[in-house]
C-alpha atoms as a PDB file:
ATOM      1  CA  UNK A   1     -56.116  35.464-160.301  1.00  0.00           C
ATOM      2  CA  UNK A   2     -53.900  35.016-163.259  1.00  0.00           C
ATOM      3  CA  UNK A   3     -50.472  36.637-163.858  1.00  0.00           C
ATOM      4  CA  UNK A   4     -48.685  36.764-167.148  1.00  0.00           C
ATOM      5  CA  UNK A   5     -44.898  36.937-166.806  1.00  0.00           C
ATOM      6  CA  UNK A   6     -43.017  37.557-170.037  1.00  0.00           C
ATOM      7  CA  UNK A   7     -39.380  36.519-169.690  1.00  0.00           C
ATOM      8  CA  UNK A   8     -36.984  36.626-172.626  1.00  0.00           C
ATOM      9  CA  UNK A   9     -35.994  33.266-173.823  1.00  0.00           C
ATOM     10  CA  UNK A  10     -32.871  31.877-172.205  1.00  0.00           C
ATOM     11  CA  UNK A  11     -29.968  31.921-174.614  1.00  0.00           C
ATOM     12  CA  UNK A  12     -27.197  29.418-174.261  1.00  0.00           C
ATOM     13  CA  UNK A  13     -23.708  30.274-175.573  1.00  0.00           C
ATOM     14  CA  UNK A  14     -21.709  27.670-177.260  1.00  0.00           C
ATOM     15  CA  UNK A  15     -17.885  27.465-176.930  1.00  0.00           C
ATOM     16  CA  UNK A  16     -17.520  28.771-180.456  1.00  0.00           C
ATOM     17  CA  UNK A  17     -19.695  31.752-179.639  1.00  0.00           C
ATOM     18  CA  UNK A  18     -17.689  32.527-176.521  1.00  0.00           C
ATOM     19  CA  UNK A  19     -14.439  32.492-178.480  1.00  0.00           C
ATOM     20  CA  UNK A  20     -15.966  34.784-181.127  1.00  0.00           C
ATOM     21  CA  UNK A  21     -17.157  37.150-178.414  1.00  0.00           C
ATOM     22  CA  UNK A  22     -13.728  37.322-176.788  1.00  0.00           C
ATOM     23  CA  UNK A  23     -12.043  37.955-180.171  1.00  0.00           C
ATOM     24  CA  UNK A  24     -14.466  40.780-180.884  1.00  0.00           C
ATOM     25  CA  UNK A  25     -14.031  42.443-177.497  1.00  0.00           C
ATOM     26  CA  UNK A  26     -10.217  42.237-177.356  1.00  0.00           C
ATOM     27  CA  UNK A  27      -9.427  42.861-181.045  1.00  0.00           C
ATOM     28  CA  UNK A  28      -8.473  46.544-180.445  1.00  0.00           C
ATOM     29  CA  UNK A  29      -6.010  45.781-177.638  1.00  0.00           C
ATOM     30  CA  UNK A  30      -4.279  43.163-179.741  1.00  0.00           C
ATOM     31  CA  UNK A  31      -3.614  45.670-182.566  1.00  0.00           C
ATOM     32  CA  UNK A  32      -2.237  48.231-180.128  1.00  0.00           C
ATOM     33  CA  UNK A  33       0.134  45.653-178.657  1.00  0.00           C
ATOM     34  CA  UNK A  34       1.371  44.790-182.172  1.00  0.00           C
ATOM     35  CA  UNK A  35       2.065  48.442-182.950  1.00  0.00           C
ATOM     36  CA  UNK A  36       3.966  48.912-179.694  1.00  0.00           C
ATOM     37  CA  UNK A  37       6.013  45.800-180.409  1.00  0.00           C
ATOM     38  CA  UNK A  38       6.915  47.034-183.897  1.00  0.00           C
ATOM     39  CA  UNK A  39       7.851  50.462-182.518  1.00  0.00           C
ATOM     40  CA  UNK A  40      10.134  48.899-179.889  1.00  0.00           C
ATOM     41  CA  UNK A  41      11.805  46.700-182.501  1.00  0.00           C
ATOM     42  CA  UNK A  42      12.346  49.709-184.818  1.00  0.00           C
ATOM     43  CA  UNK A  43      13.874  51.691-181.975  1.00  0.00           C
ATOM     44  CA  UNK A  44      16.221  48.849-181.075  1.00  0.00           C
ATOM     45  CA  UNK A  45      17.246  48.434-184.725  1.00  0.00           C
ATOM     46  CA  UNK A  46      18.000  52.181-185.047  1.00  0.00           C
ATOM     47  CA  UNK A  47      20.048  52.168-181.842  1.00  0.00           C
ATOM     48  CA  UNK A  48      21.947  49.067-182.983  1.00  0.00           C
ATOM     49  CA  UNK A  49      22.741  50.559-186.406  1.00  0.00           C
ATOM     50  CA  UNK A  50      23.894  53.852-184.854  1.00  0.00           C
ATOM     51  CA  UNK A  51      26.064  52.009-182.344  1.00  0.00           C
ATOM     52  CA  UNK A  52      27.585  49.821-185.075  1.00  0.00           C
ATOM     53  CA  UNK A  53      28.330  52.903-187.205  1.00  0.00           C
ATOM     54  CA  UNK A  54      29.930  54.710-184.259  1.00  0.00           C
ATOM     55  CA  UNK A  55      32.095  51.697-183.418  1.00  0.00           C
ATOM     56  CA  UNK A  56      33.136  51.381-187.057  1.00  0.00           C
ATOM     57  CA  UNK A  57      34.199  55.038-187.203  1.00  0.00           C
ATOM     58  CA  UNK A  58      36.154  54.660-183.971  1.00  0.00           C
ATOM     59  CA  UNK A  59      37.954  51.615-185.348  1.00  0.00           C
ATOM     60  CA  UNK A  60      38.868  53.461-188.538  1.00  0.00           C
ATOM     61  CA  UNK A  61      40.046  56.511-186.564  1.00  0.00           C
ATOM     62  CA  UNK A  62      42.159  54.279-184.338  1.00  0.00           C
ATOM     63  CA  UNK A  63      43.746  52.615-187.363  1.00  0.00           C
ATOM     64  CA  UNK A  64      44.396  56.001-188.961  1.00  0.00           C
ATOM     65  CA  UNK A  65      46.026  57.313-185.791  1.00  0.00           C
ATOM     66  CA  UNK A  66      48.157  54.191-185.533  1.00  0.00           C
ATOM     67  CA  UNK A  67      49.291  54.548-189.145  1.00  0.00           C
ATOM     68  CA  UNK A  68      49.997  58.256-188.658  1.00  0.00           C
ATOM     69  CA  UNK A  69      52.182  57.531-185.625  1.00  0.00           C
ATOM     70  CA  UNK A  70      54.064  54.848-187.549  1.00  0.00           C
ATOM     71  CA  UNK A  71      54.683  57.188-190.473  1.00  0.00           C
ATOM     72  CA  UNK A  72      55.832  60.045-188.204  1.00  0.00           C
ATOM     73  CA  UNK A  73      58.244  57.785-186.372  1.00  0.00           C
ATOM     74  CA  UNK A  74      59.564  56.378-189.653  1.00  0.00           C
ATOM     75  CA  UNK A  75      60.100  59.901-191.003  1.00  0.00           C
ATOM     76  CA  UNK A  76      61.966  61.051-187.901  1.00  0.00           C
ATOM     77  CA  UNK A  77      64.054  57.886-187.928  1.00  0.00           C
ATOM     78  CA  UNK A  78      64.883  58.370-191.602  1.00  0.00           C
ATOM     79  CA  UNK A  79      66.006  61.962-191.048  1.00  0.00           C
ATOM     80  CA  UNK A  80      68.120  60.987-188.055  1.00  0.00           C
ATOM     81  CA  UNK A  81      69.664  58.165-190.060  1.00  0.00           C
ATOM     82  CA  UNK A  82      70.627  60.592-192.831  1.00  0.00           C
ATOM     83  CA  UNK A  83      72.056  63.080-190.319  1.00  0.00           C
ATOM     84  CA  UNK A  84      74.138  60.330-188.746  1.00  0.00           C
ATOM     85  CA  UNK A  85      75.406  59.251-192.163  1.00  0.00           C
ATOM     86  CA  UNK A  86      76.358  62.823-193.092  1.00  0.00           C
ATOM     87  CA  UNK A  87      78.077  63.368-189.746  1.00  0.00           C
ATOM     88  CA  UNK A  88      80.085  60.152-190.120  1.00  0.00           C
ATOM     89  CA  UNK A  89      81.112  61.200-193.642  1.00  0.00           C
ATOM     90  CA  UNK A  90      82.106  64.679-192.436  1.00  0.00           C
ATOM     91  CA  UNK A  91      84.431  63.172-189.861  1.00  0.00           C
ATOM     92  CA  UNK A  92      86.178  61.183-192.580  1.00  0.00           C
ATOM     93  CA  UNK A  93      86.551  63.925-195.194  1.00  0.00           C
ATOM     94  CA  UNK A  94      85.740  67.599-195.706  1.00  0.00           C
ATOM     95  CA  UNK A  95      84.307  67.248-199.204  1.00  0.00           C
ATOM     96  CA  UNK A  96      81.298  65.411-200.615  1.00  0.00           C
ATOM     97  CA  UNK A  97      80.972  63.154-203.641  1.00  0.00           C
ATOM     98  CA  UNK A  98      78.186  61.015-205.035  1.00  0.00           C
ATOM     99  CA  UNK A  99      80.202  57.950-204.015  1.00  0.00           C
ATOM    100  CA  UNK A 100      79.846  58.711-200.301  1.00  0.00           C
ATOM    101  CA  UNK A 101      77.814  56.494-198.006  1.00  0.00           C
ATOM    102  CA  UNK A 102      75.005  58.995-197.585  1.00  0.00           C
ATOM    103  CA  UNK A 103      74.284  58.683-201.321  1.00  0.00           C
ATOM    104  CA  UNK A 104      74.595  54.885-201.449  1.00  0.00           C
ATOM    105  CA  UNK A 105      72.697  53.402-198.487  1.00  0.00           C
ATOM    106  CA  UNK A 106      72.042  49.714-198.010  1.00  0.00           C
ATOM    107  CA  UNK A 107      68.415  49.561-199.138  1.00  0.00           C
ATOM    108  CA  UNK A 108      67.955  45.985-197.940  1.00  0.00           C
ATOM    109  CA  UNK A 109      68.964  46.874-194.396  1.00  0.00           C
ATOM    110  CA  UNK A 110      66.755  49.955-194.437  1.00  0.00           C
ATOM    111  CA  UNK A 111      63.796  47.871-195.582  1.00  0.00           C
ATOM    112  CA  UNK A 112      64.321  45.559-192.612  1.00  0.00           C
ATOM    113  CA  UNK A 113      64.879  48.446-190.222  1.00  0.00           C
ATOM    114  CA  UNK A 114      61.521  50.058-190.998  1.00  0.00           C
ATOM    115  CA  UNK A 115      59.521  46.858-190.808  1.00  0.00           C
ATOM    116  CA  UNK A 116      58.616  46.672-194.469  1.00  0.00           C
ATOM    117  CA  UNK A 117      57.423  50.300-194.647  1.00  0.00           C
ATOM    118  CA  UNK A 118      58.420  52.112-197.827  1.00  0.00           C
ATOM    119  CA  UNK A 119      60.479  55.189-196.920  1.00  0.00           C
ATOM    120  CA  UNK A 120      62.215  57.499-199.373  1.00  0.00           C
ATOM    121  CA  UNK A 121      64.734  60.144-198.240  1.00  0.00           C
ATOM    122  CA  UNK A 122      66.345  62.407-200.831  1.00  0.00           C
ATOM    123  CA  UNK A 123      69.671  64.055-199.989  1.00  0.00           C
ATOM    124  CA  UNK A 124      70.964  66.764-202.297  1.00  0.00           C
ATOM    125  CA  UNK A 125      74.380  68.372-202.121  1.00  0.00           C
ATOM    126  CA  UNK A 126      73.703  72.130-201.887  1.00  0.00           C
ATOM    127  CA  UNK A 127      77.402  72.875-202.277  1.00  0.00           C
ATOM    128  CA  UNK A 128      76.951  72.135-205.976  1.00  0.00           C
ATOM    129  CA  UNK A 129      74.593  75.102-206.374  1.00  0.00           C
ATOM    130  CA  UNK A 130      75.150  78.828-206.793  1.00  0.00           C
ATOM    131  CA  UNK A 131      75.106  80.652-203.461  1.00  0.00           C
ATOM    132  CA  UNK A 132      72.586  83.469-203.900  1.00  0.00           C
ATOM    133  CA  UNK A 133      73.628  85.444-200.832  1.00  0.00           C
ATOM    134  CA  UNK A 134      77.249  85.545-202.021  1.00  0.00           C
ATOM    135  CA  UNK A 135      76.353  87.847-204.908  1.00  0.00           C
ATOM    136  CA  UNK A 136      77.130  90.824-202.654  1.00  0.00           C
ATOM    137  CA  UNK A 137      79.712  90.980-199.850  1.00  0.00           C
ATOM    138  CA  UNK A 138      78.599  90.715-196.248  1.00  0.00           C
ATOM    139  CA  UNK A 139      79.328  94.283-195.133  1.00  0.00           C
ATOM    140  CA  UNK A 140      78.316  93.516-191.537  1.00  0.00           C
ATOM    141  CA  UNK A 141      81.300  91.241-191.166  1.00  0.00           C
ATOM    142  CA  UNK A 142      83.583  93.897-192.625  1.00  0.00           C
ATOM    143  CA  UNK A 143      82.646  96.646-190.143  1.00  0.00           C
ATOM    144  CA  UNK A 144      84.829  97.336-187.168  1.00  0.00           C
ATOM    145  CA  UNK A 145      87.766  95.377-188.489  1.00  0.00           C
ATOM    146  CA  UNK A 146      91.154  96.811-187.738  1.00  0.00           C
ATOM    147  CA  UNK A 147      93.492  97.587-190.557  1.00  0.00           C
ATOM    148  CA  UNK A 148      96.119  94.858-190.908  1.00  0.00           C
ATOM    149  CA  UNK A 149      99.822  95.212-191.640  1.00  0.00           C
ATOM    150  CA  UNK A 150     100.882  96.987-194.806  1.00  0.00           C
ATOM    151  CA  UNK A 151     100.800  94.695-197.821  1.00  0.00           C
ATOM    152  CA  UNK A 152     104.163  93.933-199.340  1.00  0.00           C
ATOM    153  CA  UNK A 153     104.638  94.553-203.070  1.00  0.00           C
ATOM    154  CA  UNK A 154     103.718  91.523-205.150  1.00  0.00           C
ATOM    155  CA  UNK A 155     101.667  89.879-202.374  1.00  0.00           C
ATOM    156  CA  UNK A 156      98.027  88.878-202.934  1.00  0.00           C
ATOM    157  CA  UNK A 157      95.269  91.192-201.863  1.00  0.00           C
ATOM    158  CA  UNK A 158      93.267  89.642-198.998  1.00  0.00           C
ATOM    159  CA  UNK A 159      89.782  88.621-200.032  1.00  0.00           C
ATOM    160  CA  UNK A 160      90.571  88.501-203.729  1.00  0.00           C
ATOM    161  CA  UNK A 161      90.670  85.441-205.971  1.00  0.00           C
ATOM    162  CA  UNK A 162      93.466  85.478-208.522  1.00  0.00           C
ATOM    163  CA  UNK A 163      93.668  89.233-208.030  1.00  0.00           C
ATOM    164  CA  UNK A 164      89.948  89.755-208.790  1.00  0.00           C
ATOM    165  CA  UNK A 165      87.215  91.057-206.544  1.00  0.00           C
ATOM    166  CA  UNK A 166      84.954  88.123-205.403  1.00  0.00           C
ATOM    167  CA  UNK A 167      81.839  90.282-205.824  1.00  0.00           C
ATOM    168  CA  UNK A 168      82.817  91.017-209.423  1.00  0.00           C
ATOM    169  CA  UNK A 169      83.464  87.326-210.047  1.00  0.00           C
ATOM    170  CA  UNK A 170      80.035  86.469-208.631  1.00  0.00           C
ATOM    171  CA  UNK A 171      78.398  89.078-210.840  1.00  0.00           C
ATOM    172  CA  UNK A 172      80.075  87.648-213.936  1.00  0.00           C
ATOM    173  CA  UNK A 173      79.073  84.161-212.845  1.00  0.00           C
ATOM    174  CA  UNK A 174      75.449  85.205-212.517  1.00  0.00           C
ATOM    175  CA  UNK A 175      75.346  86.868-215.927  1.00  0.00           C
ATOM    176  CA  UNK A 176      76.839  83.766-217.580  1.00  0.00           C
ATOM    177  CA  UNK A 177      74.403  81.629-215.635  1.00  0.00           C
ATOM    178  CA  UNK A 178      71.355  83.616-216.739  1.00  0.00           C
ATOM    179  CA  UNK A 179      72.556  83.689-220.371  1.00  0.00           C
ATOM    180  CA  UNK A 180      73.198  79.928-220.510  1.00  0.00           C
ATOM    181  CA  UNK A 181      70.130  79.454-222.705  1.00  0.00           C
ATOM    182  CA  UNK A 182      68.290  77.295-220.176  1.00  0.00           C
ATOM    183  CA  UNK A 183      66.185  80.072-218.701  1.00  0.00           C
ATOM    184  CA  UNK A 184      63.635  82.642-219.851  1.00  0.00           C
ATOM    185  CA  UNK A 185      66.115  85.536-220.132  1.00  0.00           C
ATOM    186  CA  UNK A 186      66.073  87.725-223.216  1.00  0.00           C
ATOM    187  CA  UNK A 187      69.620  88.885-223.782  1.00  0.00           C
ATOM    188  CA  UNK A 188      72.466  90.623-221.978  1.00  0.00           C
ATOM    189  CA  UNK A 189      70.498  93.710-220.962  1.00  0.00           C
ATOM    190  CA  UNK A 190      67.833  91.726-219.111  1.00  0.00           C
ATOM    191  CA  UNK A 191      70.493  89.596-217.423  1.00  0.00           C
ATOM    192  CA  UNK A 192      72.304  92.702-216.153  1.00  0.00           C
ATOM    193  CA  UNK A 193      69.005  94.176-214.915  1.00  0.00           C
ATOM    194  CA  UNK A 194      68.228  90.999-213.010  1.00  0.00           C
ATOM    195  CA  UNK A 195      71.657  90.915-211.376  1.00  0.00           C
ATOM    196  CA  UNK A 196      71.399  94.603-210.405  1.00  0.00           C
ATOM    197  CA  UNK A 197      67.919  94.110-208.908  1.00  0.00           C
ATOM    198  CA  UNK A 198      69.025  91.063-206.928  1.00  0.00           C
ATOM    199  CA  UNK A 199      72.145  92.865-205.714  1.00  0.00           C
ATOM    200  CA  UNK A 200      70.049  95.783-204.464  1.00  0.00           C
ATOM    201  CA  UNK A 201      67.735  93.311-202.696  1.00  0.00           C
ATOM    202  CA  UNK A 202      70.689  91.717-200.899  1.00  0.00           C
ATOM    203  CA  UNK A 203      72.891  94.682-200.022  1.00  0.00           C
ATOM    204  CA  UNK A 204      72.375  96.817-196.923  1.00  0.00           C
ATOM    205  CA  UNK A 205      72.092 100.276-198.453  1.00  0.00           C
ATOM    206  CA  UNK A 206      69.290 102.049-200.299  1.00  0.00           C
ATOM    207  CA  UNK A 207      71.408 103.108-203.266  1.00  0.00           C
ATOM    208  CA  UNK A 208      69.969 101.817-206.525  1.00  0.00           C
ATOM    209  CA  UNK A 209      72.255 100.365-209.149  1.00  0.00           C
ATOM    210  CA  UNK A 210      71.848 101.406-212.789  1.00  0.00           C
ATOM    211  CA  UNK A 211      69.146  98.788-213.456  1.00  0.00           C
ATOM    212  CA  UNK A 212      68.325  97.829-209.864  1.00  0.00           C
ATOM    213  CA  UNK A 213      65.529  98.610-207.439  1.00  0.00           C
ATOM    214  CA  UNK A 214      65.299  99.580-203.785  1.00  0.00           C
ATOM    215  CA  UNK A 215      62.379 100.184-201.415  1.00  0.00           C
ATOM    216  CA  UNK A 216      61.207 103.220-203.411  1.00  0.00           C
ATOM    217  CA  UNK A 217      60.335 100.953-206.344  1.00  0.00           C
ATOM    218  CA  UNK A 218      58.713  98.242-204.241  1.00  0.00           C
ATOM    219  CA  UNK A 219      56.661 100.776-202.279  1.00  0.00           C
ATOM    220  CA  UNK A 220      55.172 102.071-205.532  1.00  0.00           C
ATOM    221  CA  UNK A 221      53.724  98.681-206.492  1.00  0.00           C
ATOM    222  CA  UNK A 222      50.015  97.854-206.246  1.00  0.00           C
ATOM    223  CA  UNK A 223      50.801  95.715-203.207  1.00  0.00           C
ATOM    224  CA  UNK A 224      53.707  97.605-201.620  1.00  0.00           C
ATOM    225  CA  UNK A 225      56.451  96.047-199.540  1.00  0.00           C
ATOM    226  CA  UNK A 226      59.976  96.959-198.499  1.00  0.00           C
ATOM    227  CA  UNK A 227      63.243  95.756-199.919  1.00  0.00           C
ATOM    228  CA  UNK A 228      64.941  93.033-197.872  1.00  0.00           C
ATOM    229  CA  UNK A 229      68.387  94.713-197.798  1.00  0.00           C
ATOM    230  CA  UNK A 230      69.787  91.480-196.446  1.00  0.00           C
ATOM    231  CA  UNK A 231      70.335  87.833-197.322  1.00  0.00           C
ATOM    232  CA  UNK A 232      67.503  85.723-198.726  1.00  0.00           C
ATOM    233  CA  UNK A 233      65.726  83.631-196.103  1.00  0.00           C
ATOM    234  CA  UNK A 234      64.251  81.146-198.561  1.00  0.00           C
ATOM    235  CA  UNK A 235      64.653  80.596-202.348  1.00  0.00           C
ATOM    236  CA  UNK A 236      61.022  81.457-203.146  1.00  0.00           C
ATOM    237  CA  UNK A 237      61.737  85.003-201.975  1.00  0.00           C
ATOM    238  CA  UNK A 238      63.220  85.611-205.429  1.00  0.00           C
ATOM    239  CA  UNK A 239      59.656  86.154-206.655  1.00  0.00           C
ATOM    240  CA  UNK A 240      59.637  89.442-204.718  1.00  0.00           C
ATOM    241  CA  UNK A 241      62.677  90.780-206.560  1.00  0.00           C
ATOM    242  CA  UNK A 242      62.136  93.024-209.577  1.00  0.00           C
ATOM    243  CA  UNK A 243      62.168  91.056-212.840  1.00  0.00           C
ATOM    244  CA  UNK A 244      62.176  87.596-211.238  1.00  0.00           C
ATOM    245  CA  UNK A 245      58.948  86.161-212.621  1.00  0.00           C
ATOM    246  CA  UNK A 246      57.479  82.722-211.927  1.00  0.00           C
ATOM    247  CA  UNK A 247      58.487  81.737-215.439  1.00  0.00           C
ATOM    248  CA  UNK A 248      62.110  82.588-214.661  1.00  0.00           C
ATOM    249  CA  UNK A 249      62.158  81.125-211.159  1.00  0.00           C
ATOM    250  CA  UNK A 250      60.210  77.918-211.766  1.00  0.00           C
ATOM    251  CA  UNK A 251      60.465  77.565-215.538  1.00  0.00           C
ATOM    252  CA  UNK A 252      57.872  76.453-218.067  1.00  0.00           C
ATOM    253  CA  UNK A 253      57.543  73.890-220.872  1.00  0.00           C
ATOM    254  CA  UNK A 254      60.356  75.506-222.844  1.00  0.00           C
ATOM    255  CA  UNK A 255      62.692  76.695-220.075  1.00  0.00           C
ATOM    256  CA  UNK A 256      64.117  75.427-216.812  1.00  0.00           C
ATOM    257  CA  UNK A 257      63.721  77.263-213.528  1.00  0.00           C
ATOM    258  CA  UNK A 258      66.711  78.910-211.884  1.00  0.00           C
ATOM    259  CA  UNK A 259      65.527  77.814-208.427  1.00  0.00           C
ATOM    260  CA  UNK A 260      66.861  74.302-209.077  1.00  0.00           C
ATOM    261  CA  UNK A 261      70.393  75.712-209.387  1.00  0.00           C
ATOM    262  CA  UNK A 262      70.424  78.021-206.377  1.00  0.00           C
ATOM    263  CA  UNK A 263      70.869  77.751-202.625  1.00  0.00           C
ATOM    264  CA  UNK A 264      70.547  80.222-199.772  1.00  0.00           C
ATOM    265  CA  UNK A 265      73.261  78.404-197.820  1.00  0.00           C
ATOM    266  CA  UNK A 266      76.968  79.147-197.912  1.00  0.00           C
ATOM    267  CA  UNK A 267      79.000  82.329-198.230  1.00  0.00           C
ATOM    268  CA  UNK A 268      82.328  81.179-199.649  1.00  0.00           C
ATOM    269  CA  UNK A 269      81.155  81.379-203.278  1.00  0.00           C
ATOM    270  CA  UNK A 270      82.554  77.941-204.118  1.00  0.00           C
ATOM    271  CA  UNK A 271      80.654  75.402-206.206  1.00  0.00           C
ATOM    272  CA  UNK A 272      81.315  71.712-205.686  1.00  0.00           C
ATOM    273  CA  UNK A 273      81.365  70.192-209.181  1.00  0.00           C
END
């Protein structure tokens, strides 16, 4: 009996073939590993850049805060230094001049005191300006006062300067001031109107002067408001008074502004020249 067995021929793999087979089988896994590696590196780079940016911003903010604290302390120190200089001068004399110590500081010492930081403090003598609130008398201080002894013939009237009413002197001063030619005022009539309007703004009553204005006028404006009927709280308040335009208060290319000659401080009416 005869049997025919058909076996496939035995195939022997060489080392080169085995390496080729392994490369073919594992080629997909190798590409996936490369992609995962690149993704991890990209993530780490993004995190590093974000962290570096955050640290940089924090450093800048810290430097800014440090500089802000230094500037605040220098400003407070400068103001206190000026106050001390003014107080020392006041103890020596009751008047101010441009030759006083507060106007002539030792800049070299100040430069050393502030550690090389540039600090500028400007001191201006307000007693050399016109006192706005002195245009009208302070009627509150005049109420409730008892009548004094009878004035003897030939004696000076209390409250008057050279026999003239201080309020009248202030009014004349204001008119001359407005008509000095430095400001945007068109003639005597406008100057009188401005003085009347400012007087009505400052006095306590609601009686309008010939060319003045009280709350009735201000309430009729497009944006109504009431008359102050009291002393100015800040110089810029002049813009609320009838006739006091920005051109008059702050000036323009051809005229000066009256705000540079006025002060809300003081009630004695004196001007330190």
